[in-house]
Amino acid sequence: QVHLVESGGGLVQPGGSLRLSCVASRSIFSLNYMGWYRQAPGKERELVAYISKSGTTTYADSVKGRFTISTDIAKNTVFLQMNSLKPEDTAVYYCYDPAGYWGQGTQVTVSS
């Protein structure tokens, strides 16, 4: 069993920033990738970004240039830096381990 714990969500005004963290209960060093997903009310869960073992990053078109995914291998942590936030970024954000595990999610609300 792998546990993923997300944090860092909250309420922010449009144009603001948040940094999400996901701490894994096991080493992420050997994993092929780690990812962030989000699910807005009434919508399906969608991929936001993922980072491969080699450090290659991939982003959804809707967040390119605004979000950055990174890792701290020593702390088994994956980050999602979110800048220039928009109301349409409002969602519950989930961390994903390729073994099929999900975190509990952290709510991000972008509103004035």
PDB file of N, CA and C in Angstrom:
ATOM      1  N   GLN A   1       0.846  -1.191   0.000  1.00  0.00           N
ATOM      2  CA  GLN A   1       0.000   0.000   0.000  1.00  0.00           C
ATOM      3  C   GLN A   1       0.885   1.246   0.000  1.00  0.00           C
ATOM      4  N   VAL A   2       0.581   2.169  -0.886  1.00  0.00           N
ATOM      5  CA  VAL A   2       1.300   3.430  -0.976  1.00  0.00           C
ATOM      6  C   VAL A   2       0.353   4.546  -0.581  1.00  0.00           C
ATOM      7  N   HIS A   3       0.815   5.420   0.263  1.00  0.00           N
ATOM      8  CA  HIS A   3       0.003   6.569   0.670  1.00  0.00           C
ATOM      9  C   HIS A   3       0.590   7.840   0.073  1.00  0.00           C
ATOM     10  N   LEU A   4      -0.304   8.638  -0.476  1.00  0.00           N
ATOM     11  CA  LEU A   4       0.076   9.923  -1.043  1.00  0.00           C
ATOM     12  C   LEU A   4      -0.709  11.004  -0.312  1.00  0.00           C
ATOM     13  N   VAL A   5      -0.035  12.017   0.158  1.00  0.00           N
ATOM     14  CA  VAL A   5      -0.692  13.077   0.901  1.00  0.00           C
ATOM     15  C   VAL A   5      -0.407  14.408   0.219  1.00  0.00           C
ATOM     16  N   GLU A   6      -1.482  15.010  -0.305  1.00  0.00           N
ATOM     17  CA  GLU A   6      -1.353  16.312  -0.953  1.00  0.00           C
ATOM     18  C   GLU A   6      -1.617  17.429   0.041  1.00  0.00           C
ATOM     19  N   SER A   7      -1.025  18.574  -0.228  1.00  0.00           N
ATOM     20  CA  SER A   7      -1.275  19.779   0.572  1.00  0.00           C
ATOM     21  C   SER A   7      -0.981  21.000  -0.277  1.00  0.00           C
ATOM     22  N   GLY A   8      -1.378  22.158   0.241  1.00  0.00           N
ATOM     23  CA  GLY A   8      -1.054  23.408  -0.432  1.00  0.00           C
ATOM     24  C   GLY A   8      -2.207  24.074  -1.157  1.00  0.00           C
ATOM     25  N   GLY A   9      -3.351  23.417  -1.203  1.00  0.00           N
ATOM     26  CA  GLY A   9      -4.490  24.024  -1.859  1.00  0.00           C
ATOM     27  C   GLY A   9      -5.075  25.160  -1.041  1.00  0.00           C
ATOM     28  N   GLY A  10      -6.052  25.844  -1.640  1.00  0.00           N
ATOM     29  CA  GLY A  10      -6.696  26.927  -0.924  1.00  0.00           C
ATOM     30  C   GLY A  10      -7.451  27.835  -1.867  1.00  0.00           C
ATOM     31  N   LEU A  11      -7.843  28.980  -1.345  1.00  0.00           N
ATOM     32  CA  LEU A  11      -8.564  29.996  -2.107  1.00  0.00           C
ATOM     33  C   LEU A  11      -7.577  31.072  -2.534  1.00  0.00           C
ATOM     34  N   VAL A  12      -7.575  31.388  -3.810  1.00  0.00           N
ATOM     35  CA  VAL A  12      -6.663  32.400  -4.335  1.00  0.00           C
ATOM     36  C   VAL A  12      -7.382  33.235  -5.382  1.00  0.00           C
ATOM     37  N   GLN A  13      -6.992  34.482  -5.521  1.00  0.00           N
ATOM     38  CA  GLN A  13      -7.607  35.351  -6.524  1.00  0.00           C
ATOM     39  C   GLN A  13      -7.032  35.056  -7.907  1.00  0.00           C
ATOM     40  N   PRO A  14      -7.782  35.356  -8.939  1.00  0.00           N
ATOM     41  CA  PRO A  14      -7.243  35.191 -10.294  1.00  0.00           C
ATOM     42  C   PRO A  14      -5.918  35.930 -10.444  1.00  0.00           C
ATOM     43  N   GLY A  15      -4.975  35.262 -11.111  1.00  0.00           N
ATOM     44  CA  GLY A  15      -3.640  35.822 -11.261  1.00  0.00           C
ATOM     45  C   GLY A  15      -2.684  35.429 -10.154  1.00  0.00           C
ATOM     46  N   GLY A  16      -3.206  34.824  -9.111  1.00  0.00           N
ATOM     47  CA  GLY A  16      -2.367  34.431  -7.987  1.00  0.00           C
ATOM     48  C   GLY A  16      -1.644  33.120  -8.211  1.00  0.00           C
ATOM     49  N   SER A  17      -0.922  32.682  -7.164  1.00  0.00           N
ATOM     50  CA  SER A  17      -0.108  31.465  -7.252  1.00  0.00           C
ATOM     51  C   SER A  17      -0.360  30.568  -6.050  1.00  0.00           C
ATOM     52  N   LEU A  18      -0.159  29.281  -6.276  1.00  0.00           N
ATOM     53  CA  LEU A  18      -0.168  28.280  -5.214  1.00  0.00           C
ATOM     54  C   LEU A  18       0.884  27.232  -5.537  1.00  0.00           C
ATOM     55  N   ARG A  19       1.400  26.599  -4.504  1.00  0.00           N
ATOM     56  CA  ARG A  19       2.331  25.491  -4.688  1.00  0.00           C
ATOM     57  C   ARG A  19       1.789  24.265  -3.977  1.00  0.00           C
ATOM     58  N   LEU A  20       1.462  23.254  -4.748  1.00  0.00           N
ATOM     59  CA  LEU A  20       0.970  22.008  -4.189  1.00  0.00           C
ATOM     60  C   LEU A  20       2.125  21.055  -3.931  1.00  0.00           C
ATOM     61  N   SER A  21       1.977  20.270  -2.875  1.00  0.00           N
ATOM     62  CA  SER A  21       2.980  19.252  -2.541  1.00  0.00           C
ATOM     63  C   SER A  21       2.296  17.896  -2.414  1.00  0.00           C
ATOM     64  N   CYS A  22       2.999  16.864  -2.761  1.00  0.00           N
ATOM     65  CA  CYS A  22       2.510  15.495  -2.606  1.00  0.00           C
ATOM     66  C   CYS A  22       3.658  14.668  -2.028  1.00  0.00           C
ATOM     67  N   VAL A  23       3.445  14.179  -0.819  1.00  0.00           N
ATOM     68  CA  VAL A  23       4.460  13.353  -0.164  1.00  0.00           C
ATOM     69  C   VAL A  23       4.048  11.888  -0.267  1.00  0.00           C
ATOM     70  N   ALA A  24       4.953  11.064  -0.786  1.00  0.00           N
ATOM     71  CA  ALA A  24       4.687   9.628  -0.949  1.00  0.00           C
ATOM     72  C   ALA A  24       5.281   8.845   0.210  1.00  0.00           C
ATOM     73  N   SER A  25       4.628   7.733   0.522  1.00  0.00           N
ATOM     74  CA  SER A  25       5.094   6.916   1.636  1.00  0.00           C
ATOM     75  C   SER A  25       6.207   5.951   1.213  1.00  0.00           C
ATOM     76  N   ARG A  26       6.590   6.013  -0.041  1.00  0.00           N
ATOM     77  CA  ARG A  26       7.688   5.166  -0.498  1.00  0.00           C
ATOM     78  C   ARG A  26       8.606   6.004  -1.391  1.00  0.00           C
ATOM     79  N   SER A  27       9.768   5.492  -1.675  1.00  0.00           N
ATOM     80  CA  SER A  27      10.707   6.198  -2.529  1.00  0.00           C
ATOM     81  C   SER A  27      10.139   6.361  -3.934  1.00  0.00           C
ATOM     82  N   ILE A  28      10.285   7.557  -4.488  1.00  0.00           N
ATOM     83  CA  ILE A  28       9.824   7.801  -5.855  1.00  0.00           C
ATOM     84  C   ILE A  28      10.985   7.751  -6.838  1.00  0.00           C
ATOM     85  N   PHE A  29      12.169   7.426  -6.336  1.00  0.00           N
ATOM     86  CA  PHE A  29      13.378   7.474  -7.163  1.00  0.00           C
ATOM     87  C   PHE A  29      13.278   6.558  -8.378  1.00  0.00           C
ATOM     88  N   SER A  30      12.736   5.369  -8.184  1.00  0.00           N
ATOM     89  CA  SER A  30      12.731   4.377  -9.266  1.00  0.00           C
ATOM     90  C   SER A  30      11.456   4.376 -10.090  1.00  0.00           C
ATOM     91  N   LEU A  31      10.522   5.255  -9.770  1.00  0.00           N
ATOM     92  CA  LEU A  31       9.258   5.267 -10.507  1.00  0.00           C
ATOM     93  C   LEU A  31       9.445   5.848 -11.895  1.00  0.00           C
ATOM     94  N   ASN A  32       8.709   5.310 -12.850  1.00  0.00           N
ATOM     95  CA  ASN A  32       8.822   5.811 -14.222  1.00  0.00           C
ATOM     96  C   ASN A  32       8.310   7.246 -14.353  1.00  0.00           C
ATOM     97  N   TYR A  33       7.323   7.592 -13.568  1.00  0.00           N
ATOM     98  CA  TYR A  33       6.798   8.953 -13.601  1.00  0.00           C
ATOM     99  C   TYR A  33       5.924   9.186 -12.374  1.00  0.00           C
ATOM    100  N   MET A  34       5.629  10.429 -12.113  1.00  0.00           N
ATOM    101  CA  MET A  34       4.635  10.838 -11.118  1.00  0.00           C
ATOM    102  C   MET A  34       3.797  11.921 -11.771  1.00  0.00           C
ATOM    103  N   GLY A  35       2.518  11.985 -11.393  1.00  0.00           N
ATOM    104  CA  GLY A  35       1.658  12.939 -12.064  1.00  0.00           C
ATOM    105  C   GLY A  35       0.712  13.681 -11.153  1.00  0.00           C
ATOM    106  N   TRP A  36       0.195  14.774 -11.662  1.00  0.00           N
ATOM    107  CA  TRP A  36      -0.881  15.543 -11.030  1.00  0.00           C
ATOM    108  C   TRP A  36      -2.083  15.530 -11.964  1.00  0.00           C
ATOM    109  N   TYR A  37      -3.252  15.273 -11.379  1.00  0.00           N
ATOM    110  CA  TYR A  37      -4.521  15.324 -12.088  1.00  0.00           C
ATOM    111  C   TYR A  37      -5.429  16.304 -11.358  1.00  0.00           C
ATOM    112  N   ARG A  38      -6.513  16.685 -12.007  1.00  0.00           N
ATOM    113  CA  ARG A  38      -7.507  17.513 -11.345  1.00  0.00           C
ATOM    114  C   ARG A  38      -8.893  17.127 -11.811  1.00  0.00           C
ATOM    115  N   GLN A  39      -9.873  17.414 -10.959  1.00  0.00           N
ATOM    116  CA  GLN A  39     -11.263  17.139 -11.285  1.00  0.00           C
ATOM    117  C   GLN A  39     -12.117  18.300 -10.825  1.00  0.00           C
ATOM    118  N   ALA A  40     -12.729  18.956 -11.793  1.00  0.00           N
ATOM    119  CA  ALA A  40     -13.633  20.060 -11.504  1.00  0.00           C
ATOM    120  C   ALA A  40     -15.052  19.511 -11.321  1.00  0.00           C
ATOM    121  N   PRO A  41     -15.913  20.246 -10.631  1.00  0.00           N
ATOM    122  CA  PRO A  41     -17.285  19.770 -10.416  1.00  0.00           C
ATOM    123  C   PRO A  41     -17.990  19.460 -11.734  1.00  0.00           C
ATOM    124  N   GLY A  42     -18.566  18.269 -11.809  1.00  0.00           N
ATOM    125  CA  GLY A  42     -19.307  17.879 -12.996  1.00  0.00           C
ATOM    126  C   GLY A  42     -18.460  17.468 -14.178  1.00  0.00           C
ATOM    127  N   LYS A  43     -17.149  17.400 -13.982  1.00  0.00           N
ATOM    128  CA  LYS A  43     -16.256  17.048 -15.082  1.00  0.00           C
ATOM    129  C   LYS A  43     -15.443  15.808 -14.734  1.00  0.00           C
ATOM    130  N   GLU A  44     -14.877  15.186 -15.756  1.00  0.00           N
ATOM    131  CA  GLU A  44     -14.028  14.030 -15.536  1.00  0.00           C
ATOM    132  C   GLU A  44     -12.645  14.462 -15.038  1.00  0.00           C
ATOM    133  N   ARG A  45     -11.979  13.536 -14.358  1.00  0.00           N
ATOM    134  CA  ARG A  45     -10.619  13.799 -13.916  1.00  0.00           C
ATOM    135  C   ARG A  45      -9.707  13.904 -15.143  1.00  0.00           C
ATOM    136  N   GLU A  46      -8.824  14.891 -15.123  1.00  0.00           N
ATOM    137  CA  GLU A  46      -7.953  15.108 -16.270  1.00  0.00           C
ATOM    138  C   GLU A  46      -6.500  15.262 -15.831  1.00  0.00           C
ATOM    139  N   LEU A  47      -5.604  14.873 -16.727  1.00  0.00           N
ATOM    140  CA  LEU A  47      -4.180  15.012 -16.457  1.00  0.00           C
ATOM    141  C   LEU A  47      -3.775  16.480 -16.526  1.00  0.00           C
ATOM    142  N   VAL A  48      -3.029  16.917 -15.531  1.00  0.00           N
ATOM    143  CA  VAL A  48      -2.500  18.277 -15.518  1.00  0.00           C
ATOM    144  C   VAL A  48      -1.036  18.278 -15.960  1.00  0.00           C
ATOM    145  N   ALA A  49      -0.247  17.410 -15.337  1.00  0.00           N
ATOM    146  CA  ALA A  49       1.187  17.366 -15.646  1.00  0.00           C
ATOM    147  C   ALA A  49       1.772  16.066 -15.116  1.00  0.00           C
ATOM    148  N   TYR A  50       2.842  15.617 -15.742  1.00  0.00           N
ATOM    149  CA  TYR A  50       3.597  14.508 -15.164  1.00  0.00           C
ATOM    150  C   TYR A  50       5.074  14.705 -15.460  1.00  0.00           C
ATOM    151  N   ILE A  51       5.888  14.070 -14.619  1.00  0.00           N
ATOM    152  CA  ILE A  51       7.335  14.165 -14.735  1.00  0.00           C
ATOM    153  C   ILE A  51       7.889  12.743 -14.762  1.00  0.00           C
ATOM    154  N   SER A  52       8.766  12.495 -15.731  1.00  0.00           N
ATOM    155  CA  SER A  52       9.325  11.164 -15.881  1.00  0.00           C
ATOM    156  C   SER A  52      10.542  10.982 -14.985  1.00  0.00           C
ATOM    157  N   LYS A  53      11.022   9.752 -14.933  1.00  0.00           N
ATOM    158  CA  LYS A  53      12.195   9.435 -14.132  1.00  0.00           C
ATOM    159  C   LYS A  53      13.409  10.235 -14.590  1.00  0.00           C
ATOM    160  N   SER A  54      13.461  10.532 -15.884  1.00  0.00           N
ATOM    161  CA  SER A  54      14.597  11.280 -16.435  1.00  0.00           C
ATOM    162  C   SER A  54      14.440  12.782 -16.233  1.00  0.00           C
ATOM    163  N   GLY A  55      13.277  13.188 -15.737  1.00  0.00           N
ATOM    164  CA  GLY A  55      13.040  14.602 -15.503  1.00  0.00           C
ATOM    165  C   GLY A  55      12.265  15.291 -16.613  1.00  0.00           C
ATOM    166  N   THR A  56      11.908  14.546 -17.640  1.00  0.00           N
ATOM    167  CA  THR A  56      11.103  15.126 -18.710  1.00  0.00           C
ATOM    168  C   THR A  56       9.706  15.446 -18.189  1.00  0.00           C
ATOM    169  N   THR A  57       9.220  16.634 -18.530  1.00  0.00           N
ATOM    170  CA  THR A  57       7.906  17.065 -18.059  1.00  0.00           C
ATOM    171  C   THR A  57       6.928  17.198 -19.221  1.00  0.00           C
ATOM    172  N   THR A  58       5.666  16.934 -18.922  1.00  0.00           N
ATOM    173  CA  THR A  58       4.594  17.052 -19.901  1.00  0.00           C
ATOM    174  C   THR A  58       3.419  17.754 -19.233  1.00  0.00           C
ATOM    175  N   TYR A  59       2.785  18.669 -19.969  1.00  0.00           N
ATOM    176  CA  TYR A  59       1.705  19.468 -19.413  1.00  0.00           C
ATOM    177  C   TYR A  59       0.487  19.440 -20.321  1.00  0.00           C
ATOM    178  N   ALA A  60      -0.678  19.572 -19.698  1.00  0.00           N
ATOM    179  CA  ALA A  60      -1.887  19.798 -20.468  1.00  0.00           C
ATOM    180  C   ALA A  60      -1.775  21.160 -21.140  1.00  0.00           C
ATOM    181  N   ASP A  61      -2.356  21.284 -22.317  1.00  0.00           N
ATOM    182  CA  ASP A  61      -2.276  22.549 -23.056  1.00  0.00           C
ATOM    183  C   ASP A  61      -2.815  23.712 -22.229  1.00  0.00           C
ATOM    184  N   SER A  62      -3.809  23.442 -21.414  1.00  0.00           N
ATOM    185  CA  SER A  62      -4.474  24.510 -20.662  1.00  0.00           C
ATOM    186  C   SER A  62      -3.594  25.111 -19.564  1.00  0.00           C
ATOM    187  N   VAL A  63      -2.511  24.414 -19.194  1.00  0.00           N
ATOM    188  CA  VAL A  63      -1.666  24.918 -18.104  1.00  0.00           C
ATOM    189  C   VAL A  63      -0.237  25.209 -18.551  1.00  0.00           C
ATOM    190  N   LYS A  64       0.094  24.931 -19.797  1.00  0.00           N
ATOM    191  CA  LYS A  64       1.452  25.164 -20.285  1.00  0.00           C
ATOM    192  C   LYS A  64       1.856  26.617 -20.099  1.00  0.00           C
ATOM    193  N   GLY A  65       3.073  26.804 -19.599  1.00  0.00           N
ATOM    194  CA  GLY A  65       3.583  28.146 -19.378  1.00  0.00           C
ATOM    195  C   GLY A  65       3.170  28.749 -18.059  1.00  0.00           C
ATOM    196  N   ARG A  66       2.235  28.091 -17.354  1.00  0.00           N
ATOM    197  CA  ARG A  66       1.772  28.628 -16.060  1.00  0.00           C
ATOM    198  C   ARG A  66       2.102  27.685 -14.901  1.00  0.00           C
ATOM    199  N   PHE A  67       2.077  26.392 -15.153  1.00  0.00           N
ATOM    200  CA  PHE A  67       2.325  25.396 -14.103  1.00  0.00           C
ATOM    201  C   PHE A  67       3.681  24.731 -14.329  1.00  0.00           C
ATOM    202  N   THR A  68       4.319  24.339 -13.216  1.00  0.00           N
ATOM    203  CA  THR A  68       5.591  23.636 -13.278  1.00  0.00           C
ATOM    204  C   THR A  68       5.570  22.471 -12.291  1.00  0.00           C
ATOM    205  N   ILE A  69       5.861  21.278 -12.795  1.00  0.00           N
ATOM    206  CA  ILE A  69       5.954  20.090 -11.941  1.00  0.00           C
ATOM    207  C   ILE A  69       7.425  19.806 -11.661  1.00  0.00           C
ATOM    208  N   SER A  70       7.707  19.412 -10.422  1.00  0.00           N
ATOM    209  CA  SER A  70       9.086  19.111 -10.038  1.00  0.00           C
ATOM    210  C   SER A  70       9.072  18.082  -8.910  1.00  0.00           C
ATOM    211  N   THR A  71      10.239  17.575  -8.591  1.00  0.00           N
ATOM    212  CA  THR A  71      10.330  16.583  -7.526  1.00  0.00           C
ATOM    213  C   THR A  71      11.496  16.886  -6.592  1.00  0.00           C
ATOM    214  N   ASP A  72      11.371  16.398  -5.370  1.00  0.00           N
ATOM    215  CA  ASP A  72      12.469  16.362  -4.416  1.00  0.00           C
ATOM    216  C   ASP A  72      12.606  14.878  -4.045  1.00  0.00           C
ATOM    217  N   ILE A  73      13.504  14.186  -4.739  1.00  0.00           N
ATOM    218  CA  ILE A  73      13.626  12.747  -4.571  1.00  0.00           C
ATOM    219  C   ILE A  73      13.952  12.375  -3.131  1.00  0.00           C
ATOM    220  N   ALA A  74      14.818  13.149  -2.513  1.00  0.00           N
ATOM    221  CA  ALA A  74      15.249  12.845  -1.146  1.00  0.00           C
ATOM    222  C   ALA A  74      14.087  12.888  -0.162  1.00  0.00           C
ATOM    223  N   LYS A  75      13.068  13.684  -0.484  1.00  0.00           N
ATOM    224  CA  LYS A  75      11.908  13.824   0.406  1.00  0.00           C
ATOM    225  C   LYS A  75      10.681  13.105  -0.138  1.00  0.00           C
ATOM    226  N   ASN A  76      10.861  12.319  -1.204  1.00  0.00           N
ATOM    227  CA  ASN A  76       9.730  11.579  -1.809  1.00  0.00           C
ATOM    228  C   ASN A  76       8.545  12.503  -2.087  1.00  0.00           C
ATOM    229  N   THR A  77       8.839  13.673  -2.602  1.00  0.00           N
ATOM    230  CA  THR A  77       7.820  14.704  -2.779  1.00  0.00           C
ATOM    231  C   THR A  77       7.755  15.177  -4.227  1.00  0.00           C
ATOM    232  N   VAL A  78       6.533  15.378  -4.688  1.00  0.00           N
ATOM    233  CA  VAL A  78       6.277  15.955  -6.001  1.00  0.00           C
ATOM    234  C   VAL A  78       5.565  17.285  -5.790  1.00  0.00           C
ATOM    235  N   PHE A  79       5.985  18.298  -6.527  1.00  0.00           N
ATOM    236  CA  PHE A  79       5.409  19.630  -6.390  1.00  0.00           C
ATOM    237  C   PHE A  79       4.681  20.025  -7.672  1.00  0.00           C
ATOM    238  N   LEU A  80       3.726  20.926  -7.507  1.00  0.00           N
ATOM    239  CA  LEU A  80       3.094  21.564  -8.658  1.00  0.00           C
ATOM    240  C   LEU A  80       3.013  23.048  -8.348  1.00  0.00           C
ATOM    241  N   GLN A  81       3.871  23.819  -8.994  1.00  0.00           N
ATOM    242  CA  GLN A  81       3.841  25.274  -8.855  1.00  0.00           C
ATOM    243  C   GLN A  81       2.847  25.814  -9.863  1.00  0.00           C
ATOM    244  N   MET A  82       1.857  26.538  -9.372  1.00  0.00           N
ATOM    245  CA  MET A  82       0.797  27.054 -10.236  1.00  0.00           C
ATOM    246  C   MET A  82       0.804  28.571 -10.177  1.00  0.00           C
ATOM    247  N   ASN A  83       1.076  29.203 -11.299  1.00  0.00           N
ATOM    248  CA  ASN A  83       1.102  30.662 -11.405  1.00  0.00           C
ATOM    249  C   ASN A  83       0.009  31.139 -12.352  1.00  0.00           C
ATOM    250  N   SER A  84      -0.273  32.415 -12.286  1.00  0.00           N
ATOM    251  CA  SER A  84      -1.284  33.031 -13.167  1.00  0.00           C
ATOM    252  C   SER A  84      -2.579  32.221 -13.155  1.00  0.00           C
ATOM    253  N   LEU A  85      -3.036  31.898 -11.979  1.00  0.00           N
ATOM    254  CA  LEU A  85      -4.215  31.038 -11.856  1.00  0.00           C
ATOM    255  C   LEU A  85      -5.462  31.706 -12.404  1.00  0.00           C
ATOM    256  N   LYS A  86      -6.330  30.882 -12.982  1.00  0.00           N
ATOM    257  CA  LYS A  86      -7.574  31.336 -13.584  1.00  0.00           C
ATOM    258  C   LYS A  86      -8.756  30.638 -12.892  1.00  0.00           C
ATOM    259  N   PRO A  87      -9.936  31.223 -12.954  1.00  0.00           N
ATOM    260  CA  PRO A  87     -11.103  30.564 -12.356  1.00  0.00           C
ATOM    261  C   PRO A  87     -11.311  29.143 -12.875  1.00  0.00           C
ATOM    262  N   GLU A  88     -10.972  28.907 -14.124  1.00  0.00           N
ATOM    263  CA  GLU A  88     -11.156  27.572 -14.691  1.00  0.00           C
ATOM    264  C   GLU A  88     -10.151  26.542 -14.156  1.00  0.00           C
ATOM    265  N   ASP A  89      -9.190  26.991 -13.359  1.00  0.00           N
ATOM    266  CA  ASP A  89      -8.277  26.058 -12.702  1.00  0.00           C
ATOM    267  C   ASP A  89      -8.880  25.498 -11.411  1.00  0.00           C
ATOM    268  N   THR A  90     -10.037  26.019 -11.025  1.00  0.00           N
ATOM    269  CA  THR A  90     -10.694  25.534  -9.816  1.00  0.00           C
ATOM    270  C   THR A  90     -11.031  24.054  -9.940  1.00  0.00           C
ATOM    271  N   ALA A  91     -10.556  23.268  -8.988  1.00  0.00           N
ATOM    272  CA  ALA A  91     -10.742  21.810  -9.030  1.00  0.00           C
ATOM    273  C   ALA A  91     -10.120  21.199  -7.787  1.00  0.00           C
ATOM    274  N   VAL A  92     -10.378  19.913  -7.612  1.00  0.00           N
ATOM    275  CA  VAL A  92      -9.626  19.140  -6.631  1.00  0.00           C
ATOM    276  C   VAL A  92      -8.425  18.549  -7.367  1.00  0.00           C
ATOM    277  N   TYR A  93      -7.250  18.764  -6.816  1.00  0.00           N
ATOM    278  CA  TYR A  93      -6.023  18.302  -7.444  1.00  0.00           C
ATOM    279  C   TYR A  93      -5.526  17.038  -6.735  1.00  0.00           C
ATOM    280  N   TYR A  94      -5.179  16.045  -7.556  1.00  0.00           N
ATOM    281  CA  TYR A  94      -4.762  14.739  -7.040  1.00  0.00           C
ATOM    282  C   TYR A  94      -3.375  14.393  -7.529  1.00  0.00           C
ATOM    283  N   CYS A  95      -2.633  13.768  -6.642  1.00  0.00           N
ATOM    284  CA  CYS A  95      -1.330  13.218  -6.979  1.00  0.00           C
ATOM    285  C   CYS A  95      -1.526  11.758  -7.380  1.00  0.00           C
ATOM    286  N   TYR A  96      -0.726  11.284  -8.350  1.00  0.00           N
ATOM    287  CA  TYR A  96      -0.882   9.927  -8.859  1.00  0.00           C
ATOM    288  C   TYR A  96       0.443   9.179  -8.902  1.00  0.00           C
ATOM    289  N   ASP A  97       0.435   7.984  -8.349  1.00  0.00           N
ATOM    290  CA  ASP A  97       1.569   7.066  -8.387  1.00  0.00           C
ATOM    291  C   ASP A  97       1.276   6.014  -9.453  1.00  0.00           C
ATOM    292  N   PRO A  98       2.214   5.735 -10.349  1.00  0.00           N
ATOM    293  CA  PRO A  98       1.941   4.822 -11.464  1.00  0.00           C
ATOM    294  C   PRO A  98       1.582   3.409 -11.059  1.00  0.00           C
ATOM    295  N   ALA A  99       1.731   3.059  -9.791  1.00  0.00           N
ATOM    296  CA  ALA A  99       1.259   1.752  -9.334  1.00  0.00           C
ATOM    297  C   ALA A  99      -0.261   1.732  -9.159  1.00  0.00           C
ATOM    298  N   GLY A 100      -0.881   2.898  -9.387  1.00  0.00           N
ATOM    299  CA  GLY A 100      -2.335   2.967  -9.329  1.00  0.00           C
ATOM    300  C   GLY A 100      -2.895   3.605  -8.081  1.00  0.00           C
ATOM    301  N   TYR A 101      -2.045   4.314  -7.350  1.00  0.00           N
ATOM    302  CA  TYR A 101      -2.494   4.947  -6.115  1.00  0.00           C
ATOM    303  C   TYR A 101      -2.772   6.439  -6.315  1.00  0.00           C
ATOM    304  N   TRP A 102      -3.784   6.889  -5.583  1.00  0.00           N
ATOM    305  CA  TRP A 102      -4.175   8.302  -5.610  1.00  0.00           C
ATOM    306  C   TRP A 102      -4.121   8.867  -4.199  1.00  0.00           C
ATOM    307  N   GLY A 103      -3.842  10.170  -4.133  1.00  0.00           N
ATOM    308  CA  GLY A 103      -3.972  10.844  -2.862  1.00  0.00           C
ATOM    309  C   GLY A 103      -5.427  11.209  -2.612  1.00  0.00           C
ATOM    310  N   GLN A 104      -5.678  11.871  -1.488  1.00  0.00           N
ATOM    311  CA  GLN A 104      -7.045  12.240  -1.137  1.00  0.00           C
ATOM    312  C   GLN A 104      -7.490  13.522  -1.841  1.00  0.00           C
ATOM    313  N   GLY A 105      -6.547  14.234  -2.412  1.00  0.00           N
ATOM    314  CA  GLY A 105      -6.857  15.454  -3.133  1.00  0.00           C
ATOM    315  C   GLY A 105      -6.758  16.696  -2.271  1.00  0.00           C
ATOM    316  N   THR A 106      -6.503  17.808  -2.930  1.00  0.00           N
ATOM    317  CA  THR A 106      -6.481  19.105  -2.253  1.00  0.00           C
ATOM    318  C   THR A 106      -7.256  20.092  -3.112  1.00  0.00           C
ATOM    319  N   GLN A 107      -8.146  20.845  -2.481  1.00  0.00           N
ATOM    320  CA  GLN A 107      -9.035  21.755  -3.198  1.00  0.00           C
ATOM    321  C   GLN A 107      -8.303  23.047  -3.559  1.00  0.00           C
ATOM    322  N   VAL A 108      -8.425  23.430  -4.816  1.00  0.00           N
ATOM    323  CA  VAL A 108      -7.926  24.722  -5.290  1.00  0.00           C
ATOM    324  C   VAL A 108      -9.121  25.502  -5.824  1.00  0.00           C
ATOM    325  N   THR A 109      -9.331  26.683  -5.275  1.00  0.00           N
ATOM    326  CA  THR A 109     -10.423  27.542  -5.711  1.00  0.00           C
ATOM    327  C   THR A 109      -9.851  28.884  -6.126  1.00  0.00           C
ATOM    328  N   VAL A 110     -10.129  29.262  -7.369  1.00  0.00           N
ATOM    329  CA  VAL A 110      -9.647  30.544  -7.895  1.00  0.00           C
ATOM    330  C   VAL A 110     -10.856  31.441  -8.107  1.00  0.00           C
ATOM    331  N   SER A 111     -10.946  32.466  -7.286  1.00  0.00           N
ATOM    332  CA  SER A 111     -12.126  33.317  -7.325  1.00  0.00           C
ATOM    333  C   SER A 111     -11.803  34.670  -6.710  1.00  0.00           C
ATOM    334  N   SER A 112     -12.464  35.700  -7.229  1.00  0.00           N
ATOM    335  CA  SER A 112     -12.297  37.026  -6.650  1.00  0.00           C
ATOM    336  C   SER A 112     -13.395  37.290  -5.625  1.00  0.00           C
TER     337      SER A 112
END
